[in-house]
Amino acid sequence: MAIRLTSRHMYVQFIDDTQGVTLASASSQGGEKTASNIEAATRMGASAAECAKKAGIVNVVVDRGGHRFHGKIKAIVDELVKAGLVPGAKAEEVA
């Protein structure tokens, strides 16, 4: 799972790295006027979790894109966990 933040929007993609394809995605573009607060990130996390569940995704690895794990990133991931997705280790760390 990749999370990308811009000054106006948030994007979440669920990517199968082995095949190089995006399985599901969600963004705040088009719905929110601004994505500059924790409440919007929480709604974004709930939306992303719904998209992931529809695609049959249960386990995710979080790629923060260089951002620290706090604020909006943490709010998104907390919603994913609350919805039942399981964050795990990268494939290289498991092997």
Protein backbone atom coordinates (compact mmCIF):
# COMPACT_ATOMS: atom_id res chain seq x y z
CA MET A 1 0.00 0.00 0.00
CA ALA A 2 1.38 3.38 -0.98
CA ILE A 3 0.22 6.63 0.59
CA ARG A 4 0.91 9.91 -1.19
CA LEU A 5 0.09 13.35 0.19
CA THR A 6 0.02 16.62 -1.68
CA SER A 7 -0.89 20.06 -0.39
CA ARG A 8 -4.49 19.51 -1.50
CA HIS A 9 -5.19 15.77 -1.75
CA MET A 10 -4.40 12.32 -0.38
CA TYR A 11 -3.97 9.16 -2.44
CA VAL A 12 -3.85 5.52 -1.32
CA GLN A 13 -2.97 2.67 -3.70
CA PHE A 14 -2.97 -1.06 -2.97
CA ILE A 15 -0.26 -2.45 -5.25
CA ASP A 16 0.81 -6.03 -5.95
CA ASP A 17 4.56 -5.51 -6.21
CA THR A 18 5.21 -8.98 -7.60
CA GLN A 19 2.98 -8.36 -10.63
CA GLY A 20 3.39 -4.59 -10.77
CA VAL A 21 -0.34 -3.83 -10.83
CA THR A 22 -2.63 -1.62 -8.77
CA LEU A 23 -5.36 -3.75 -7.18
CA ALA A 24 -7.39 -0.91 -5.66
CA SER A 25 -7.05 2.80 -5.01
CA ALA A 26 -8.78 5.71 -3.32
CA SER A 27 -8.22 9.45 -3.28
CA SER A 28 -9.66 12.58 -1.78
CA GLN A 29 -9.67 14.24 -5.20
CA GLY A 30 -13.14 15.22 -6.32
CA GLY A 31 -14.81 14.86 -2.92
CA GLU A 32 -12.97 16.98 -0.41
CA LYS A 33 -12.24 20.64 -1.04
CA THR A 34 -9.12 20.29 1.09
CA ALA A 35 -7.37 17.38 2.70
CA SER A 36 -5.41 19.37 5.23
CA ASN A 37 -6.75 17.91 8.46
CA ILE A 38 -6.98 14.70 10.44
CA GLU A 39 -10.75 14.35 9.98
CA ALA A 40 -10.35 14.28 6.20
CA ALA A 41 -7.53 11.72 6.55
CA THR A 42 -9.78 9.56 8.73
CA ARG A 43 -12.51 9.65 6.05
CA MET A 44 -9.87 8.87 3.43
CA GLY A 45 -8.70 5.84 5.44
CA ALA A 46 -12.26 4.54 5.73
CA SER A 47 -12.76 4.97 1.99
CA ALA A 48 -9.47 3.21 1.22
CA ALA A 49 -10.37 0.33 3.54
CA GLU A 50 -13.69 -0.10 1.75
CA CYS A 51 -11.92 -0.24 -1.64
CA ALA A 52 -9.41 -2.77 -0.30
CA LYS A 53 -12.12 -5.03 1.10
CA LYS A 54 -13.98 -4.99 -2.23
CA ALA A 55 -10.74 -6.12 -3.91
CA GLY A 56 -10.25 -8.92 -1.35
CA ILE A 57 -7.16 -7.37 0.25
CA VAL A 58 -6.47 -8.31 3.87
CA ASN A 59 -2.71 -7.86 4.45
CA VAL A 60 -0.93 -4.62 3.60
CA VAL A 61 2.57 -3.16 3.84
CA VAL A 62 2.56 0.60 4.38
CA ASP A 63 4.82 2.71 2.16
CA ARG A 64 4.71 6.21 3.63
CA GLY A 65 6.58 7.74 0.72
CA GLY A 66 9.17 9.25 3.04
CA HIS A 67 6.63 10.90 5.34
CA ARG A 68 6.90 10.40 9.09
CA PHE A 69 4.30 8.09 10.67
CA HIS A 70 2.13 10.70 12.38
CA GLY A 71 -0.76 13.04 11.62
CA LYS A 72 -2.62 12.24 8.40
CA ILE A 73 -0.55 9.12 7.62
CA LYS A 74 -1.31 7.68 11.06
CA ALA A 75 -5.03 8.57 10.74
CA ILE A 76 -5.27 6.73 7.40
CA VAL A 77 -3.48 3.62 8.71
CA ASP A 78 -5.51 3.62 11.95
CA GLU A 79 -8.73 3.51 9.89
CA LEU A 80 -7.38 0.65 7.79
CA VAL A 81 -6.55 -1.33 10.95
CA LYS A 82 -9.95 -0.49 12.46
CA ALA A 83 -11.60 -1.88 9.30
CA GLY A 84 -9.72 -5.17 9.69
CA LEU A 85 -6.74 -4.82 7.36
CA VAL A 86 -3.52 -6.25 8.80
CA PRO A 87 -0.33 -4.23 8.39
CA GLY A 88 2.72 -6.46 8.09
CA ALA A 89 6.39 -6.63 7.25
CA LYS A 90 7.85 -6.18 3.78
CA ALA A 91 8.40 -9.38 1.83
CA GLU A 92 12.19 -8.96 2.12
CA GLU A 93 11.89 -8.78 5.93
CA VAL A 94 9.77 -11.95 6.11
CA ALA A 95 12.11 -14.08 3.95
